[in-house]
C-alpha atoms as a PDB file:
ATOM      1  CA  MET A   1      -1.759 -84.614   0.704  1.00  0.00           C
ATOM      2  CA  THR A   2      -3.485 -81.589  -0.782  1.00  0.00           C
ATOM      3  CA  THR A   3      -2.065 -79.659  -3.712  1.00  0.00           C
ATOM      4  CA  ASN A   4      -3.202 -77.140  -6.298  1.00  0.00           C
ATOM      5  CA  ALA A   5      -2.126 -76.143  -9.809  1.00  0.00           C
ATOM      6  CA  GLU A   6       0.167 -73.357  -8.557  1.00  0.00           C
ATOM      7  CA  ASP A   7       1.971 -75.648  -6.086  1.00  0.00           C
ATOM      8  CA  PRO A   8       2.257 -79.158  -7.550  1.00  0.00           C
ATOM      9  CA  ALA A   9       3.395 -81.825  -5.110  1.00  0.00           C
ATOM     10  CA  THR A  10       6.707 -83.597  -5.517  1.00  0.00           C
ATOM     11  CA  VAL A  11       6.703 -87.255  -4.527  1.00  0.00           C
ATOM     12  CA  ILE A  12       9.807 -89.405  -4.020  1.00  0.00           C
ATOM     13  CA  ARG A  13       9.304 -93.154  -3.814  1.00  0.00           C
ATOM     14  CA  ALA A  14      12.007 -95.727  -3.086  1.00  0.00           C
ATOM     15  CA  TYR A  15      11.586 -99.073  -4.831  1.00  0.00           C
ATOM     16  CA  PRO A  16      13.077-102.193  -3.223  1.00  0.00           C
ATOM     17  CA  ASN A  17      16.343-103.059  -4.997  1.00  0.00           C
ATOM     18  CA  GLY A  18      15.557-100.310  -7.486  1.00  0.00           C
ATOM     19  CA  PRO A  19      15.690 -96.571  -8.078  1.00  0.00           C
ATOM     20  CA  LEU A  20      14.269 -93.559  -6.331  1.00  0.00           C
ATOM     21  CA  LEU A  21      11.396 -92.362  -8.494  1.00  0.00           C
ATOM     22  CA  ILE A  22      10.758 -88.612  -8.356  1.00  0.00           C
ATOM     23  CA  ARG A  23       7.474 -87.219  -9.685  1.00  0.00           C
ATOM     24  CA  GLY A  24       6.282 -83.641  -9.774  1.00  0.00           C
ATOM     25  CA  ASP A  25       7.908 -80.245  -9.849  1.00  0.00           C
ATOM     26  CA  PHE A  26      11.592 -80.459  -8.889  1.00  0.00           C
ATOM     27  CA  GLU A  27      15.083 -79.302  -9.776  1.00  0.00           C
ATOM     28  CA  LEU A  28      17.856 -81.895  -9.924  1.00  0.00           C
ATOM     29  CA  LEU A  29      21.382 -80.662  -9.173  1.00  0.00           C
ATOM     30  CA  ASP A  30      24.713 -82.475  -9.579  1.00  0.00           C
ATOM     31  CA  GLU A  31      27.465 -82.644  -6.930  1.00  0.00           C
ATOM     32  CA  ASN A  32      28.673 -79.171  -7.968  1.00  0.00           C
ATOM     33  CA  GLY A  33      25.228 -77.601  -7.675  1.00  0.00           C
ATOM     34  CA  GLU A  34      24.787 -77.437 -11.441  1.00  0.00           C
ATOM     35  CA  PRO A  35      21.368 -78.334 -12.866  1.00  0.00           C
ATOM     36  CA  VAL A  36      21.016 -81.791 -14.410  1.00  0.00           C
ATOM     37  CA  ASP A  37      19.035 -81.487 -17.633  1.00  0.00           C
ATOM     38  CA  THR A  38      15.797 -83.433 -17.287  1.00  0.00           C
ATOM     39  CA  ASP A  39      12.914 -82.701 -19.605  1.00  0.00           C
ATOM     40  CA  ARG A  40      10.482 -84.900 -17.695  1.00  0.00           C
ATOM     41  CA  ARG A  41       8.302 -84.531 -14.630  1.00  0.00           C
ATOM     42  CA  THR A  42       9.255 -88.073 -13.597  1.00  0.00           C
ATOM     43  CA  VAL A  43      12.828 -89.340 -13.254  1.00  0.00           C
ATOM     44  CA  ALA A  44      14.442 -92.402 -11.704  1.00  0.00           C
ATOM     45  CA  LEU A  45      17.623 -91.892  -9.697  1.00  0.00           C
ATOM     46  CA  CYS A  46      20.142 -94.723  -9.481  1.00  0.00           C
ATOM     47  CA  ARG A  47      20.775 -96.280  -6.069  1.00  0.00           C
ATOM     48  CA  CYS A  48      22.970 -99.235  -7.124  1.00  0.00           C
ATOM     49  CA  GLY A  49      25.823 -96.988  -8.302  1.00  0.00           C
ATOM     50  CA  ARG A  50      26.357 -98.824 -11.577  1.00  0.00           C
ATOM     51  CA  SER A  51      24.230 -96.805 -14.006  1.00  0.00           C
ATOM     52  CA  ALA A  52      25.947 -95.552 -17.153  1.00  0.00           C
ATOM     53  CA  LEU A  53      23.541 -92.575 -16.999  1.00  0.00           C
ATOM     54  CA  ALA A  54      24.301 -91.576 -13.385  1.00  0.00           C
ATOM     55  CA  PRO A  55      22.676 -89.999 -11.513  1.00  0.00           C
ATOM     56  CA  LEU A  56      19.757 -91.343 -13.563  1.00  0.00           C
ATOM     57  CA  CYS A  57      18.808 -95.014 -13.474  1.00  0.00           C
ATOM     58  CA  ASP A  58      19.425 -97.121 -16.592  1.00  0.00           C
ATOM     59  CA  GLY A  59      17.977-100.390 -15.253  1.00  0.00           C
ATOM     60  CA  THR A  60      21.335-101.983 -14.365  1.00  0.00           C
ATOM     61  CA  HIS A  61      19.980-102.901 -10.914  1.00  0.00           C
ATOM     62  CA  SER A  62      17.584-105.397 -12.510  1.00  0.00           C
ATOM     63  CA  LEU A  63      20.483-107.217 -14.163  1.00  0.00           C
ATOM     64  CA  LEU A  64      22.388-107.326 -10.876  1.00  0.00           C
ATOM     65  CA  SER A  65      19.472-108.834  -8.960  1.00  0.00           C
ATOM     66  CA  ARG A  66      18.980-111.545 -11.607  1.00  0.00           C
ATOM     67  CA  ARG A  67      22.622-112.603 -11.342  1.00  0.00           C
ATOM     68  CA  THR A  68      22.627-112.743  -7.550  1.00  0.00           C
ATOM     69  CA  GLY A  69      19.041-113.920  -7.054  1.00  0.00           C
END
């Protein structure tokens, strides 16, 4: 992947039993199309559905896997 300073790449990586990690230049919108305030260039999105910070990950998935693992 080639990128330059004017067009930074956005990368989304799915972690097994964990969040979607988004890095780069992006805009995050809620279900109503309203911007979600993120002041970082890297965010983790919840996939387990139990985060108190939804849509952002709060690490709850790691507690769930310890209980069931």
